[in-house]
Protein backbone atom coordinates (compact mmCIF):
# COMPACT_ATOMS: atom_id res chain seq x y z
CA THR A 1 40.28 -5.47 21.11
CA THR A 2 38.16 -2.32 21.05
CA SER A 3 34.63 -1.95 22.36
CA THR A 4 31.66 0.38 22.66
CA THR A 5 28.37 0.51 24.54
CA SER A 6 26.80 3.12 22.25
CA THR A 7 23.74 2.29 20.18
CA SER A 8 23.77 5.66 18.42
CA VAL A 9 27.38 6.80 17.87
CA TYR A 10 29.71 4.74 15.70
CA ALA A 11 33.10 3.69 17.05
CA THR A 12 36.01 3.41 14.62
CA GLY A 13 37.34 -0.06 13.88
CA ILE A 14 39.95 1.15 11.37
CA SER A 15 40.63 4.54 9.80
CA LEU A 16 42.85 5.17 6.77
CA THR A 17 43.71 8.30 4.82
CA TRP A 18 43.76 7.64 1.08
CA SER A 19 46.27 10.37 0.30
CA ASP A 20 47.55 9.20 -3.10
CA LEU A 21 44.12 9.37 -4.78
CA PRO A 22 44.32 12.23 -7.32
CA ASP A 23 41.90 15.13 -6.93
CA GLY A 24 38.64 14.58 -8.78
CA THR A 25 35.14 13.12 -8.51
CA TYR A 26 34.75 9.40 -7.89
CA ASP A 27 32.37 6.58 -7.13
CA ILE A 28 34.08 4.94 -4.14
CA THR A 29 33.18 1.43 -3.01
CA LEU A 30 34.24 0.43 0.49
CA VAL A 31 34.20 -3.11 1.90
CA GLY A 32 34.62 -3.14 5.68
CA SER A 33 34.68 -6.14 7.97
CA LEU A 34 35.58 -7.11 11.53
CA LEU A 35 35.23 -9.89 14.08
CA ALA A 36 32.54 -9.10 16.65
CA ALA A 37 30.94 -10.28 19.88
CA HIS A 38 28.23 -8.78 22.10
CA SER A 39 27.94 -9.03 25.89
CA THR A 40 24.26 -10.03 25.75
CA SER A 41 24.20 -12.02 22.51
CA ALA A 42 22.32 -9.19 20.86
CA GLY A 43 23.90 -7.71 17.79
CA VAL A 44 26.56 -5.48 16.34
CA ASN A 45 25.97 -3.03 13.50
CA ILE A 46 28.76 -2.32 11.04
CA GLY A 47 29.08 0.48 8.50
CA VAL A 48 31.65 2.12 6.27
CA ASP A 49 32.52 5.82 6.32
CA CYS A 50 33.77 7.81 3.33
CA GLY A 51 34.87 11.34 4.17
CA GLY A 52 32.43 11.62 7.08
CA SER A 53 29.42 10.10 5.30
CA VAL A 54 28.38 6.76 6.87
CA SER A 55 26.56 4.04 4.94
CA ALA A 56 23.42 2.41 6.21
CA ASN A 57 24.55 -0.27 8.63
CA ALA A 58 24.36 -4.01 8.41
CA GLY A 59 23.79 -5.94 11.63
CA VAL A 60 24.23 -9.47 12.83
CA SER A 61 23.44 -11.30 16.07
CA CYS A 62 26.62 -12.35 17.82
CA PRO A 63 27.49 -15.00 20.39
CA THR A 64 27.64 -13.83 24.00
CA GLY A 65 31.07 -12.96 25.32
CA ALA A 66 34.00 -10.64 25.02
CA ASN A 67 35.98 -12.80 22.57
CA PRO A 68 35.03 -11.61 19.09
CA PHE A 69 34.83 -14.37 16.51
CA THR A 70 31.82 -13.68 14.29
CA ARG A 71 32.94 -12.04 11.02
CA ILE A 72 30.58 -9.32 9.77
CA GLU A 73 30.94 -7.27 6.61
CA ARG A 74 29.41 -4.19 5.01
CA ASN A 75 29.99 -2.93 1.47
CA PHE A 76 28.63 0.26 0.02
CA THR A 77 29.25 2.52 -2.98
CA PHE A 78 29.38 6.27 -2.34
CA SER A 79 28.54 8.16 -5.55
CA ASP A 80 30.00 11.44 -6.78
CA VAL A 81 32.57 11.84 -4.01
CA ALA A 82 34.70 14.98 -4.42
CA VAL A 83 38.31 14.26 -3.47
CA ALA A 84 40.81 17.08 -2.90
CA GLY A 85 44.04 16.28 -1.11
CA GLY A 86 42.98 12.74 -0.15
CA ILE A 87 40.05 11.29 1.77
CA THR A 88 39.57 9.47 5.08
CA ILE A 89 37.84 6.08 4.94
CA LYS A 90 36.74 3.92 7.88
CA THR A 91 35.10 0.73 9.06
CA VAL A 92 32.77 1.69 11.93
CA TYR A 93 30.53 -0.20 14.36
CA LYS A 94 28.03 0.23 17.21
CA CYS A 95 25.78 -1.89 19.44
CA ALA A 96 22.44 -2.95 18.02
CA SER A 97 21.00 -3.01 21.57
CA THR A 98 22.05 -2.45 25.18
CA GLY A 99 25.32 -4.11 26.12
CA THR A 100 28.93 -4.02 24.97
CA ALA A 101 30.13 -4.71 21.45
CA SER A 102 33.73 -5.94 21.25
CA VAL A 103 35.64 -6.14 17.96
CA VAL A 104 39.04 -7.19 16.64
CA ASN A 105 40.73 -7.52 13.26
CA PRO A 106 39.00 -4.66 11.42
CA CYS A 107 39.61 -4.65 7.68
CA LEU A 108 38.89 -2.18 4.89
CA GLN A 109 39.13 -2.47 1.10
CA ALA A 110 38.57 0.49 -1.19
CA PHE A 111 37.89 0.82 -4.91
CA ALA A 112 37.59 4.12 -6.77
CA LYS A 113 36.15 4.80 -10.22
CA ARG A 114 37.05 8.26 -11.49
CA LYS A 115 34.17 10.19 -13.01
CA ALA A 116 35.70 13.63 -13.52
């Protein structure tokens, strides 16, 4: 279980380096998900990160507690991503309001369409 109290800075749920992607320009679609809970039954925001660029987040209200069991997901397509020597991709999260967001079981799927 990982957690954060930040409402402004994303914490990393999972981070992967896609090192076998050949150099080029791509449209990259990321699908990130995790199980979440919030200490005050507020909400948790989830996003996906492609090479340091974070998608707009998606949020959901979560049950109160420290045992994460609400699955939340965010998918986003990053256009015209220049890849040279691989790229780091992540599922990220933060609190939607004051309290503590706890997460487990982060997942990340990635799809790349080569453009050049």
